[in-house]
Amino acid sequence: MAHCPMKFRMVRGKLTAHAPRILDIGCGNGSPTVTKRWFPSCHYAGADIQRYKMSDADMAAMDEFYQLGADGSGYDAIPDASYDFVILNHVVEHMREPKPVVATLCAKLKPGGYIWIAVSFVRSLSLPHSVDETLQFSDDPTHVYLPDVREMANILLANGVAVLDAGRSREGFFYSGWRRGEALQAVRDAIVYGKFSGRGMWYVLALRITCLDSDG
């Protein structure tokens, strides 16, 4: 059975529209295809500064694509009050000035729509370095901002979005890592290389916020 990503588990059953409109900021890593798997009738809009780990099938799965700029440009082209669900899954860390972007995205929600934000946990600064992908925050050279969950919550609240849930990821080590064999890889790399594998661990050490537009 496929593993439903946590960002979808938090809103499944809440997106009651026949064809919910989903806006995915930072839509790489196969996100269009995965989203359509769990919400096959959705209208999917991706937005990113580049085509990052997206197959032709991912590109075909998108109903819309918005080209963004690393300088924070491109968001004005996204219509306001148009989306039932807005996703920022580990993209805030890559923005030098994320506060105005998050504020702008609040306006993209329909009344009663949901926004999901996942960010790196400050504890990741003290983790061992990884031999693959990212475990310690600085393993990824494109990480340029370490957000705080209270900071993100305050931006949302200031823009009329109520915070429903916030805290550590609930993915769980054995659920998200072990069943894919990634925990075994972490142990192997720790023994062989003296460094941990980041696979299966990053989302366990993440913070997430789920919010609802308070006009809903």
N, C-alpha and C. Protein backbone atom coordinates (compact mmCIF):
# COMPACT_ATOMS: atom_id res chain seq x y z
N MET A 1 0.84 -1.19 0.00
CA MET A 1 0.00 0.00 0.00
C MET A 1 0.88 1.24 0.00
N ALA A 2 0.54 2.22 -0.85
CA ALA A 2 1.33 3.43 -0.93
C ALA A 2 1.20 4.23 0.35
N HIS A 3 2.28 4.89 0.70
CA HIS A 3 2.34 5.71 1.91
C HIS A 3 1.79 7.09 1.58
N CYS A 4 0.72 7.48 2.21
CA CYS A 4 0.14 8.81 2.01
C CYS A 4 1.01 9.84 2.71
N PRO A 5 1.55 10.81 1.99
CA PRO A 5 2.38 11.83 2.62
C PRO A 5 1.61 12.58 3.70
N MET A 6 2.34 12.99 4.72
CA MET A 6 1.70 13.64 5.86
C MET A 6 0.96 14.91 5.44
N LYS A 7 1.50 15.65 4.49
CA LYS A 7 0.85 16.89 4.06
C LYS A 7 -0.54 16.62 3.50
N PHE A 8 -0.76 15.41 3.00
CA PHE A 8 -2.09 15.06 2.50
C PHE A 8 -2.96 14.43 3.58
N ARG A 9 -2.33 13.70 4.50
CA ARG A 9 -3.11 13.10 5.58
C ARG A 9 -3.79 14.15 6.42
N MET A 10 -3.17 15.33 6.52
CA MET A 10 -3.73 16.38 7.35
C MET A 10 -4.98 17.01 6.74
N VAL A 11 -5.17 16.87 5.41
CA VAL A 11 -6.31 17.52 4.77
C VAL A 11 -7.27 16.55 4.07
N ARG A 12 -6.89 15.28 3.98
CA ARG A 12 -7.81 14.32 3.37
C ARG A 12 -9.09 14.28 4.18
N GLY A 13 -10.21 14.33 3.50
CA GLY A 13 -11.50 14.38 4.18
C GLY A 13 -11.95 15.81 4.45
N LYS A 14 -11.00 16.76 4.37
CA LYS A 14 -11.35 18.17 4.56
C LYS A 14 -11.52 18.90 3.23
N LEU A 15 -10.85 18.42 2.20
CA LEU A 15 -11.02 19.02 0.88
C LEU A 15 -12.24 18.38 0.23
N THR A 16 -13.39 18.99 0.43
CA THR A 16 -14.66 18.36 0.05
C THR A 16 -15.11 18.69 -1.37
N ALA A 17 -14.46 19.66 -2.02
CA ALA A 17 -14.84 20.00 -3.38
C ALA A 17 -14.56 18.82 -4.31
N HIS A 18 -15.39 18.66 -5.33
CA HIS A 18 -15.19 17.55 -6.27
C HIS A 18 -13.83 17.65 -6.94
N ALA A 19 -13.42 18.85 -7.29
CA ALA A 19 -12.12 19.06 -7.93
C ALA A 19 -11.38 20.15 -7.16
N PRO A 20 -10.81 19.80 -6.02
CA PRO A 20 -10.12 20.83 -5.22
C PRO A 20 -8.96 21.45 -5.98
N ARG A 21 -8.77 22.72 -5.77
CA ARG A 21 -7.69 23.45 -6.43
C ARG A 21 -6.49 23.50 -5.48
N ILE A 22 -5.37 22.96 -5.94
CA ILE A 22 -4.17 22.84 -5.12
C ILE A 22 -3.04 23.64 -5.75
N LEU A 23 -2.39 24.46 -4.92
CA LEU A 23 -1.23 25.23 -5.35
C LEU A 23 -0.02 24.72 -4.60
N ASP A 24 0.98 24.26 -5.33
CA ASP A 24 2.17 23.64 -4.75
C ASP A 24 3.39 24.51 -5.05
N ILE A 25 3.89 25.19 -4.01
CA ILE A 25 5.05 26.06 -4.17
C ILE A 25 6.31 25.22 -3.97
N GLY A 26 7.14 25.16 -5.01
CA GLY A 26 8.30 24.26 -4.97
C GLY A 26 7.84 22.87 -5.32
N CYS A 27 7.49 22.67 -6.58
CA CYS A 27 6.76 21.46 -6.98
C CYS A 27 7.66 20.38 -7.56
N GLY A 28 8.94 20.38 -7.20
CA GLY A 28 9.86 19.38 -7.71
C GLY A 28 9.74 18.04 -7.00
N ASN A 29 10.69 17.16 -7.27
CA ASN A 29 10.75 15.84 -6.64
C ASN A 29 9.50 15.01 -6.90
N GLY A 30 8.93 15.14 -8.09
CA GLY A 30 7.78 14.30 -8.46
C GLY A 30 6.48 14.68 -7.80
N SER A 31 6.40 15.87 -7.22
CA SER A 31 5.20 16.25 -6.48
C SER A 31 3.93 16.27 -7.32
N PRO A 32 3.95 16.73 -8.59
CA PRO A 32 2.71 16.72 -9.36
C PRO A 32 2.08 15.33 -9.49
N THR A 33 2.92 14.33 -9.80
CA THR A 33 2.40 12.97 -9.96
C THR A 33 1.88 12.42 -8.64
N VAL A 34 2.61 12.66 -7.55
CA VAL A 34 2.17 12.17 -6.24
C VAL A 34 0.86 12.83 -5.83
N THR A 35 0.74 14.12 -6.06
CA THR A 35 -0.48 14.83 -5.69
C THR A 35 -1.68 14.29 -6.46
N LYS A 36 -1.51 14.06 -7.75
CA LYS A 36 -2.61 13.54 -8.56
C LYS A 36 -2.97 12.11 -8.16
N ARG A 37 -2.02 11.38 -7.60
CA ARG A 37 -2.32 10.02 -7.14
C ARG A 37 -3.33 10.07 -6.00
N TRP A 38 -3.16 11.04 -5.09
CA TRP A 38 -4.03 11.12 -3.92
C TRP A 38 -5.25 11.99 -4.14
N PHE A 39 -5.17 12.90 -5.09
CA PHE A 39 -6.31 13.75 -5.42
C PHE A 39 -6.48 13.75 -6.94
N PRO A 40 -6.93 12.64 -7.51
CA PRO A 40 -6.94 12.49 -8.97
C PRO A 40 -7.80 13.51 -9.70
N SER A 41 -8.81 14.05 -9.04
CA SER A 41 -9.69 15.02 -9.72
C SER A 41 -9.29 16.46 -9.46
N CYS A 42 -8.17 16.67 -8.76
CA CYS A 42 -7.81 18.03 -8.38
C CYS A 42 -7.32 18.85 -9.58
N HIS A 43 -7.42 20.15 -9.43
CA HIS A 43 -6.78 21.08 -10.36
C HIS A 43 -5.44 21.44 -9.72
N TYR A 44 -4.36 21.01 -10.32
CA TYR A 44 -3.03 21.14 -9.73
C TYR A 44 -2.26 22.27 -10.40
N ALA A 45 -1.85 23.24 -9.61
CA ALA A 45 -1.00 24.32 -10.09
C ALA A 45 0.35 24.23 -9.39
N GLY A 46 1.40 24.07 -10.16
CA GLY A 46 2.74 24.05 -9.62
C GLY A 46 3.41 25.40 -9.80
N ALA A 47 4.32 25.72 -8.89
CA ALA A 47 5.07 26.98 -8.99
C ALA A 47 6.48 26.73 -8.49
N ASP A 48 7.47 27.17 -9.27
CA ASP A 48 8.85 26.90 -8.88
C ASP A 48 9.77 27.82 -9.66
N ILE A 49 11.02 27.89 -9.18
CA ILE A 49 12.01 28.70 -9.89
C ILE A 49 12.73 27.90 -10.97
N GLN A 50 12.53 26.58 -10.98
CA GLN A 50 13.17 25.73 -11.96
C GLN A 50 12.44 24.40 -12.05
N ARG A 51 12.77 23.64 -13.08
CA ARG A 51 12.25 22.28 -13.20
C ARG A 51 13.23 21.36 -12.48
N TYR A 52 12.89 20.98 -11.24
CA TYR A 52 13.80 20.22 -10.40
C TYR A 52 13.25 18.83 -10.15
N LYS A 53 13.92 17.81 -10.69
CA LYS A 53 13.52 16.42 -10.52
C LYS A 53 12.04 16.24 -10.85
N MET A 54 11.67 16.74 -12.02
CA MET A 54 10.32 16.55 -12.53
C MET A 54 10.39 15.84 -13.87
N SER A 55 9.71 14.73 -13.96
CA SER A 55 9.68 13.95 -15.20
C SER A 55 8.68 14.56 -16.18
N ASP A 56 8.65 14.01 -17.38
CA ASP A 56 7.65 14.44 -18.35
C ASP A 56 6.24 14.15 -17.82
N ALA A 57 6.10 13.04 -17.08
CA ALA A 57 4.80 12.72 -16.50
C ALA A 57 4.39 13.76 -15.46
N ASP A 58 5.36 14.26 -14.70
CA ASP A 58 5.06 15.32 -13.74
C ASP A 58 4.59 16.58 -14.45
N MET A 59 5.27 16.94 -15.52
CA MET A 59 4.89 18.14 -16.25
C MET A 59 3.49 17.99 -16.85
N ALA A 60 3.19 16.78 -17.32
CA ALA A 60 1.87 16.54 -17.91
C ALA A 60 0.77 16.54 -16.86
N ALA A 61 1.13 16.21 -15.61
CA ALA A 61 0.13 16.15 -14.53
C ALA A 61 -0.30 17.53 -14.07
N MET A 62 0.48 18.55 -14.39
CA MET A 62 0.16 19.90 -13.95
C MET A 62 -0.90 20.54 -14.85
N ASP A 63 -1.89 21.15 -14.23
CA ASP A 63 -2.89 21.91 -14.98
C ASP A 63 -2.41 23.33 -15.24
N GLU A 64 -1.55 23.82 -14.37
CA GLU A 64 -0.95 25.15 -14.52
C GLU A 64 0.46 25.11 -13.97
N PHE A 65 1.31 25.98 -14.49
CA PHE A 65 2.64 26.14 -13.93
C PHE A 65 2.97 27.62 -13.89
N TYR A 66 3.44 28.08 -12.73
CA TYR A 66 3.84 29.47 -12.56
C TYR A 66 5.35 29.53 -12.36
N GLN A 67 6.01 30.28 -13.23
CA GLN A 67 7.45 30.45 -13.12
C GLN A 67 7.76 31.51 -12.08
N LEU A 68 8.52 31.13 -11.07
CA LEU A 68 8.89 32.04 -10.00
C LEU A 68 10.34 32.46 -10.15
N GLY A 69 10.70 33.57 -9.53
CA GLY A 69 12.08 34.03 -9.53
C GLY A 69 12.70 33.87 -8.16
N ALA A 70 13.99 33.64 -8.11
CA ALA A 70 14.69 33.51 -6.83
C ALA A 70 14.62 34.80 -6.02
N ASP A 71 14.31 35.91 -6.68
CA ASP A 71 14.20 37.20 -6.00
C ASP A 71 12.82 37.43 -5.41
N GLY A 72 11.95 36.42 -5.46
CA GLY A 72 10.60 36.55 -4.91
C GLY A 72 9.57 37.04 -5.90
N SER A 73 9.94 37.12 -7.17
CA SER A 73 9.01 37.57 -8.20
C SER A 73 8.18 36.40 -8.72
N GLY A 74 7.10 36.72 -9.41
CA GLY A 74 6.27 35.72 -10.07
C GLY A 74 4.99 35.39 -9.34
N TYR A 75 4.89 35.75 -8.07
CA TYR A 75 3.71 35.39 -7.29
C TYR A 75 2.48 36.21 -7.67
N ASP A 76 2.69 37.39 -8.24
CA ASP A 76 1.55 38.22 -8.62
C ASP A 76 0.72 37.59 -9.73
N ALA A 77 1.33 36.69 -10.51
CA ALA A 77 0.60 36.03 -11.58
C ALA A 77 -0.37 34.97 -11.07
N ILE A 78 -0.20 34.54 -9.84
CA ILE A 78 -1.08 33.53 -9.23
C ILE A 78 -2.33 34.23 -8.72
N PRO A 79 -3.51 33.80 -9.15
CA PRO A 79 -4.74 34.52 -8.76
C PRO A 79 -5.04 34.41 -7.27
N ASP A 80 -5.54 35.49 -6.70
CA ASP A 80 -5.93 35.51 -5.30
C ASP A 80 -7.22 34.75 -5.08
N ALA A 81 -7.40 34.28 -3.84
CA ALA A 81 -8.64 33.62 -3.39
C ALA A 81 -9.07 32.50 -4.34
N SER A 82 -8.10 31.68 -4.77
CA SER A 82 -8.38 30.68 -5.81
C SER A 82 -8.09 29.24 -5.43
N TYR A 83 -7.47 28.98 -4.27
CA TYR A 83 -7.00 27.63 -3.99
C TYR A 83 -7.53 27.10 -2.66
N ASP A 84 -7.93 25.83 -2.71
CA ASP A 84 -8.42 25.15 -1.51
C ASP A 84 -7.27 24.69 -0.62
N PHE A 85 -6.11 24.48 -1.21
CA PHE A 85 -4.97 23.96 -0.47
C PHE A 85 -3.70 24.53 -1.06
N VAL A 86 -2.89 25.18 -0.23
CA VAL A 86 -1.60 25.71 -0.64
C VAL A 86 -0.51 24.97 0.13
N ILE A 87 0.51 24.49 -0.58
CA ILE A 87 1.56 23.67 0.01
C ILE A 87 2.90 24.39 -0.08
N LEU A 88 3.59 24.48 1.05
CA LEU A 88 4.99 24.92 1.09
C LEU A 88 5.76 23.85 1.86
N ASN A 89 6.21 22.84 1.16
CA ASN A 89 6.84 21.70 1.79
C ASN A 89 8.36 21.81 1.66
N HIS A 90 9.02 22.30 2.70
CA HIS A 90 10.46 22.46 2.71
C HIS A 90 10.96 23.33 1.56
N VAL A 91 10.31 24.48 1.42
CA VAL A 91 10.78 25.47 0.45
C VAL A 91 11.18 26.78 1.12
N VAL A 92 10.64 27.05 2.31
CA VAL A 92 10.95 28.30 3.00
C VAL A 92 12.45 28.41 3.27
N GLU A 93 13.10 27.28 3.55
CA GLU A 93 14.53 27.28 3.85
C GLU A 93 15.37 27.81 2.69
N HIS A 94 14.80 27.78 1.47
CA HIS A 94 15.53 28.17 0.28
C HIS A 94 15.28 29.63 -0.11
N MET A 95 14.49 30.35 0.68
CA MET A 95 14.13 31.74 0.38
C MET A 95 14.90 32.70 1.29
N ARG A 96 15.55 33.68 0.71
CA ARG A 96 16.29 34.65 1.53
C ARG A 96 15.34 35.59 2.26
N GLU A 97 14.18 35.87 1.66
CA GLU A 97 13.20 36.75 2.29
C GLU A 97 11.83 36.06 2.25
N PRO A 98 11.60 35.05 3.09
CA PRO A 98 10.36 34.28 2.97
C PRO A 98 9.13 34.97 3.56
N LYS A 99 9.31 35.93 4.45
CA LYS A 99 8.15 36.50 5.14
C LYS A 99 7.14 37.13 4.18
N PRO A 100 7.57 38.01 3.26
CA PRO A 100 6.58 38.57 2.32
C PRO A 100 5.97 37.53 1.40
N VAL A 101 6.72 36.47 1.08
CA VAL A 101 6.18 35.42 0.23
C VAL A 101 5.06 34.67 0.94
N VAL A 102 5.29 34.29 2.20
CA VAL A 102 4.26 33.58 2.96
C VAL A 102 3.03 34.47 3.12
N ALA A 103 3.23 35.75 3.38
CA ALA A 103 2.10 36.67 3.50
C ALA A 103 1.31 36.74 2.19
N THR A 104 2.03 36.81 1.08
CA THR A 104 1.37 36.86 -0.23
C THR A 104 0.56 35.60 -0.49
N LEU A 105 1.10 34.46 -0.10
CA LEU A 105 0.41 33.19 -0.36
C LEU A 105 -0.86 33.05 0.46
N CYS A 106 -0.94 33.72 1.59
CA CYS A 106 -2.19 33.69 2.37
C CYS A 106 -3.35 34.21 1.53
N ALA A 107 -3.07 35.18 0.68
CA ALA A 107 -4.11 35.78 -0.15
C ALA A 107 -4.55 34.85 -1.28
N LYS A 108 -3.78 33.80 -1.55
CA LYS A 108 -4.14 32.87 -2.63
C LYS A 108 -5.19 31.86 -2.18
N LEU A 109 -5.40 31.76 -0.86
CA LEU A 109 -6.37 30.80 -0.33
C LEU A 109 -7.80 31.25 -0.58
N LYS A 110 -8.65 30.29 -0.91
CA LYS A 110 -10.09 30.54 -0.88
C LYS A 110 -10.53 30.67 0.58
N PRO A 111 -11.63 31.34 0.86
CA PRO A 111 -12.18 31.30 2.22
C PRO A 111 -12.41 29.85 2.65
N GLY A 112 -11.86 29.49 3.80
CA GLY A 112 -11.98 28.12 4.26
C GLY A 112 -10.92 27.19 3.71
N GLY A 113 -9.98 27.72 2.92
CA GLY A 113 -8.92 26.89 2.37
C GLY A 113 -7.84 26.60 3.40
N TYR A 114 -6.97 25.65 3.08
CA TYR A 114 -5.93 25.20 4.00
C TYR A 114 -4.55 25.51 3.42
N ILE A 115 -3.61 25.77 4.32
CA ILE A 115 -2.22 25.95 3.93
C ILE A 115 -1.35 25.05 4.80
N TRP A 116 -0.40 24.40 4.18
CA TRP A 116 0.53 23.51 4.87
C TRP A 116 1.94 24.05 4.69
N ILE A 117 2.67 24.18 5.79
CA ILE A 117 4.06 24.62 5.74
C ILE A 117 4.91 23.63 6.52
N ALA A 118 5.93 23.08 5.91
CA ALA A 118 6.90 22.23 6.61
C ALA A 118 8.26 22.90 6.50
N VAL A 119 8.94 23.01 7.62
CA VAL A 119 10.25 23.67 7.66
C VAL A 119 11.23 22.82 8.45
N SER A 120 12.49 23.13 8.29
CA SER A 120 13.53 22.42 9.01
C SER A 120 13.51 22.79 10.49
N PHE A 121 13.82 21.84 11.32
CA PHE A 121 13.87 22.04 12.76
C PHE A 121 15.25 22.58 13.13
N VAL A 122 15.31 23.50 14.10
CA VAL A 122 16.59 24.08 14.50
C VAL A 122 17.57 23.02 14.97
N ARG A 123 17.05 21.90 15.46
CA ARG A 123 17.91 20.81 15.91
C ARG A 123 18.79 20.28 14.78
N SER A 124 18.36 20.47 13.55
CA SER A 124 19.15 19.96 12.43
C SER A 124 20.52 20.63 12.33
N LEU A 125 20.69 21.78 12.97
CA LEU A 125 22.00 22.44 12.97
C LEU A 125 23.06 21.65 13.73
N SER A 126 22.60 20.82 14.67
CA SER A 126 23.55 20.07 15.50
C SER A 126 23.62 18.60 15.13
N LEU A 127 22.97 18.21 14.06
CA LEU A 127 22.99 16.82 13.63
C LEU A 127 24.29 16.51 12.89
N PRO A 128 24.65 15.22 12.81
CA PRO A 128 25.84 14.86 12.03
C PRO A 128 25.61 15.11 10.55
N HIS A 129 26.69 15.29 9.82
CA HIS A 129 26.58 15.50 8.39
C HIS A 129 26.23 14.19 7.70
N SER A 130 25.59 14.31 6.56
CA SER A 130 25.09 13.15 5.82
C SER A 130 25.98 12.86 4.62
N VAL A 131 25.98 11.59 4.19
CA VAL A 131 26.71 11.21 2.98
C VAL A 131 25.84 11.36 1.75
N ASP A 132 24.55 11.54 1.92
CA ASP A 132 23.66 11.72 0.79
C ASP A 132 22.55 12.69 1.19
N GLU A 133 22.10 13.46 0.26
CA GLU A 133 21.03 14.41 0.48
C GLU A 133 21.32 15.32 1.68
N THR A 134 20.35 15.49 2.58
CA THR A 134 20.50 16.47 3.65
C THR A 134 20.08 15.90 4.98
N LEU A 135 20.93 16.01 5.98
CA LEU A 135 20.57 15.70 7.36
C LEU A 135 20.88 16.93 8.21
N GLN A 136 22.14 17.32 8.26
CA GLN A 136 22.50 18.57 8.91
C GLN A 136 22.06 19.72 7.99
N PHE A 137 21.53 20.78 8.58
CA PHE A 137 20.93 21.86 7.79
C PHE A 137 21.85 22.36 6.68
N SER A 138 23.13 22.50 6.98
CA SER A 138 24.07 23.07 6.02
C SER A 138 24.57 22.06 4.99
N ASP A 139 24.10 20.81 5.06
CA ASP A 139 24.44 19.84 4.01
C ASP A 139 23.94 20.32 2.65
N ASP A 140 22.86 21.08 2.66
CA ASP A 140 22.29 21.61 1.42
C ASP A 140 22.76 23.06 1.26
N PRO A 141 23.61 23.35 0.28
CA PRO A 141 24.13 24.71 0.13
C PRO A 141 23.06 25.72 -0.27
N THR A 142 21.88 25.25 -0.70
CA THR A 142 20.81 26.19 -1.06
C THR A 142 19.93 26.54 0.14
N HIS A 143 20.22 25.96 1.30
CA HIS A 143 19.54 26.38 2.53
C HIS A 143 20.12 27.72 2.97
N VAL A 144 19.29 28.75 2.94
CA VAL A 144 19.79 30.10 3.25
C VAL A 144 19.00 30.77 4.37
N TYR A 145 17.99 30.07 4.92
CA TYR A 145 17.15 30.68 5.96
C TYR A 145 16.61 29.58 6.86
N LEU A 146 16.81 29.75 8.16
CA LEU A 146 16.27 28.78 9.12
C LEU A 146 15.06 29.40 9.80
N PRO A 147 13.85 29.01 9.40
CA PRO A 147 12.64 29.64 9.95
C PRO A 147 12.30 29.09 11.33
N ASP A 148 11.51 29.84 12.04
CA ASP A 148 11.01 29.44 13.35
C ASP A 148 9.51 29.24 13.25
N VAL A 149 8.99 28.19 13.89
CA VAL A 149 7.57 27.89 13.76
C VAL A 149 6.71 29.04 14.28
N ARG A 150 7.17 29.73 15.32
CA ARG A 150 6.40 30.86 15.84
C ARG A 150 6.39 32.02 14.85
N GLU A 151 7.51 32.21 14.18
CA GLU A 151 7.60 33.26 13.17
C GLU A 151 6.61 32.99 12.04
N MET A 152 6.58 31.76 11.55
CA MET A 152 5.65 31.41 10.49
C MET A 152 4.21 31.57 10.96
N ALA A 153 3.92 31.12 12.17
CA ALA A 153 2.56 31.23 12.70
C ALA A 153 2.13 32.68 12.81
N ASN A 154 3.03 33.56 13.24
CA ASN A 154 2.68 34.97 13.38
C ASN A 154 2.38 35.62 12.04
N ILE A 155 3.10 35.23 11.00
CA ILE A 155 2.81 35.75 9.66
C ILE A 155 1.41 35.33 9.22
N LEU A 156 1.10 34.08 9.44
CA LEU A 156 -0.21 33.57 9.06
C LEU A 156 -1.33 34.26 9.83
N LEU A 157 -1.15 34.37 11.13
CA LEU A 157 -2.16 35.02 11.96
C LEU A 157 -2.37 36.47 11.56
N ALA A 158 -1.30 37.15 11.22
CA ALA A 158 -1.39 38.55 10.82
C ALA A 158 -2.13 38.73 9.50
N ASN A 159 -2.23 37.65 8.75
CA ASN A 159 -2.92 37.69 7.46
C ASN A 159 -4.25 36.96 7.48
N GLY A 160 -4.82 36.81 8.68
CA GLY A 160 -6.17 36.27 8.81
C GLY A 160 -6.29 34.78 8.64
N VAL A 161 -5.19 34.06 8.83
CA VAL A 161 -5.21 32.60 8.69
C VAL A 161 -5.04 31.98 10.08
N ALA A 162 -6.01 31.18 10.50
CA ALA A 162 -5.98 30.56 11.82
C ALA A 162 -5.09 29.33 11.81
N VAL A 163 -4.28 29.17 12.85
CA VAL A 163 -3.41 28.00 12.97
C VAL A 163 -4.18 26.87 13.63
N LEU A 164 -4.31 25.76 12.93
CA LEU A 164 -5.04 24.61 13.46
C LEU A 164 -4.12 23.63 14.18
N ASP A 165 -2.88 23.51 13.70
CA ASP A 165 -2.00 22.48 14.23
C ASP A 165 -0.56 22.85 13.92
N ALA A 166 0.34 22.61 14.85
CA ALA A 166 1.76 22.89 14.61
C ALA A 166 2.59 22.01 15.53
N GLY A 167 3.80 21.69 15.10
CA GLY A 167 4.68 20.90 15.93
C GLY A 167 5.59 20.01 15.10
N ARG A 168 6.21 19.06 15.76
CA ARG A 168 7.12 18.13 15.10
C ARG A 168 6.37 17.24 14.13
N SER A 169 7.09 16.79 13.12
CA SER A 169 6.52 15.86 12.16
C SER A 169 6.04 14.60 12.83
N ARG A 170 4.95 14.04 12.34
CA ARG A 170 4.42 12.79 12.87
C ARG A 170 4.73 11.60 11.97
N GLU A 171 5.63 11.80 11.03
CA GLU A 171 5.94 10.70 10.12
C GLU A 171 6.44 9.48 10.88
N GLY A 172 7.34 9.71 11.83
CA GLY A 172 7.85 8.58 12.60
C GLY A 172 8.96 7.86 11.88
N PHE A 173 9.99 7.52 12.61
CA PHE A 173 11.17 6.88 12.01
C PHE A 173 10.82 5.55 11.35
N PHE A 174 10.10 4.70 12.04
CA PHE A 174 9.84 3.38 11.49
C PHE A 174 8.83 3.45 10.35
N TYR A 175 7.90 4.42 10.39
CA TYR A 175 6.88 4.49 9.35
C TYR A 175 7.43 5.05 8.06
N SER A 176 8.20 6.13 8.16
CA SER A 176 8.65 6.78 6.93
C SER A 176 10.00 6.27 6.46
N GLY A 177 10.81 5.72 7.33
CA GLY A 177 12.14 5.31 6.94
C GLY A 177 12.33 3.81 6.86
N TRP A 178 11.98 3.12 7.93
CA TRP A 178 12.29 1.69 8.00
C TRP A 178 11.61 0.88 6.91
N ARG A 179 10.35 1.17 6.62
CA ARG A 179 9.63 0.33 5.67
C ARG A 179 10.17 0.50 4.25
N ARG A 180 10.96 1.56 4.00
CA ARG A 180 11.56 1.73 2.68
C ARG A 180 13.02 1.31 2.68
N GLY A 181 13.47 0.73 3.77
CA GLY A 181 14.84 0.27 3.85
C GLY A 181 15.84 1.37 4.08
N GLU A 182 15.35 2.61 4.32
CA GLU A 182 16.27 3.73 4.44
C GLU A 182 16.93 3.79 5.81
N ALA A 183 16.28 3.23 6.82
CA ALA A 183 16.92 3.20 8.13
C ALA A 183 18.12 2.25 8.09
N LEU A 184 18.00 1.13 7.37
CA LEU A 184 19.13 0.22 7.21
C LEU A 184 20.28 0.92 6.51
N GLN A 185 19.95 1.74 5.53
CA GLN A 185 20.99 2.48 4.83
C GLN A 185 21.68 3.45 5.79
N ALA A 186 20.91 4.09 6.66
CA ALA A 186 21.49 5.03 7.63
C ALA A 186 22.49 4.33 8.53
N VAL A 187 22.11 3.13 9.00
CA VAL A 187 23.01 2.37 9.88
C VAL A 187 24.26 1.95 9.12
N ARG A 188 24.08 1.47 7.90
CA ARG A 188 25.21 1.02 7.09
C ARG A 188 26.19 2.16 6.84
N ASP A 189 25.68 3.33 6.46
CA ASP A 189 26.55 4.45 6.16
C ASP A 189 27.26 4.96 7.41
N ALA A 190 26.57 4.88 8.55
CA ALA A 190 27.20 5.30 9.80
C ALA A 190 28.41 4.42 10.11
N ILE A 191 28.29 3.10 9.81
CA ILE A 191 29.37 2.16 10.07
C ILE A 191 30.49 2.28 9.03
N VAL A 192 30.10 2.35 7.76
CA VAL A 192 31.08 2.33 6.68
C VAL A 192 31.78 3.68 6.52
N TYR A 193 30.98 4.77 6.55
CA TYR A 193 31.53 6.09 6.24
C TYR A 193 31.73 6.96 7.48
N GLY A 194 31.17 6.55 8.60
CA GLY A 194 31.24 7.39 9.79
C GLY A 194 30.31 8.58 9.72
N LYS A 195 29.39 8.57 8.75
CA LYS A 195 28.39 9.62 8.59
C LYS A 195 27.03 8.97 8.37
N PHE A 196 25.98 9.69 8.73
CA PHE A 196 24.64 9.16 8.58
C PHE A 196 24.08 9.46 7.19
N SER A 197 23.14 8.62 6.78
CA SER A 197 22.36 8.90 5.58
C SER A 197 21.18 9.77 5.96
N GLY A 198 20.91 10.77 5.15
CA GLY A 198 19.78 11.65 5.43
C GLY A 198 18.44 11.05 5.04
N ARG A 199 18.44 10.04 4.22
CA ARG A 199 17.19 9.46 3.74
C ARG A 199 16.40 8.88 4.91
N GLY A 200 15.11 9.15 4.91
CA GLY A 200 14.23 8.60 5.93
C GLY A 200 14.28 9.33 7.25
N MET A 201 15.21 10.30 7.39
CA MET A 201 15.34 11.01 8.66
C MET A 201 14.89 12.46 8.58
N TRP A 202 15.00 13.08 7.41
CA TRP A 202 14.78 14.52 7.31
C TRP A 202 13.38 14.91 7.77
N TYR A 203 12.36 14.16 7.31
CA TYR A 203 11.00 14.53 7.65
C TYR A 203 10.65 14.19 9.10
N VAL A 204 11.38 13.27 9.68
CA VAL A 204 11.17 12.97 11.10
C VAL A 204 11.59 14.16 11.94
N LEU A 205 12.57 14.91 11.45
CA LEU A 205 13.15 16.02 12.21
C LEU A 205 12.63 17.37 11.73
N ALA A 206 11.46 17.36 11.10
CA ALA A 206 10.88 18.58 10.57
C ALA A 206 9.79 19.11 11.48
N LEU A 207 9.48 20.39 11.28
CA LEU A 207 8.33 21.01 11.92
C LEU A 207 7.29 21.27 10.86
N ARG A 208 6.02 21.20 11.24
CA ARG A 208 4.98 21.46 10.26
C ARG A 208 3.87 22.28 10.89
N ILE A 209 3.20 23.06 10.04
CA ILE A 209 2.09 23.90 10.46
C ILE A 209 0.94 23.65 9.50
N THR A 210 -0.25 23.42 10.02
CA THR A 210 -1.46 23.32 9.20
C THR A 210 -2.40 24.43 9.61
N CYS A 211 -2.89 25.18 8.63
CA CYS A 211 -3.68 26.36 8.94
C CYS A 211 -4.92 26.42 8.07
N LEU A 212 -5.90 27.18 8.53
CA LEU A 212 -7.17 27.34 7.85
C LEU A 212 -7.45 28.83 7.69
N ASP A 213 -7.85 29.22 6.49
CA ASP A 213 -8.27 30.60 6.30
C ASP A 213 -9.44 30.89 7.22
N SER A 214 -9.30 31.90 8.05
CA SER A 214 -10.29 32.12 9.12
C SER A 214 -11.62 32.64 8.62
N ASP A 215 -11.71 32.94 7.33
CA ASP A 215 -13.01 33.35 6.77
C ASP A 215 -13.88 32.16 6.45
N GLY A 216 -13.30 30.94 6.59
CA GLY A 216 -14.04 29.73 6.23
C GLY A 216 -14.91 29.25 7.35
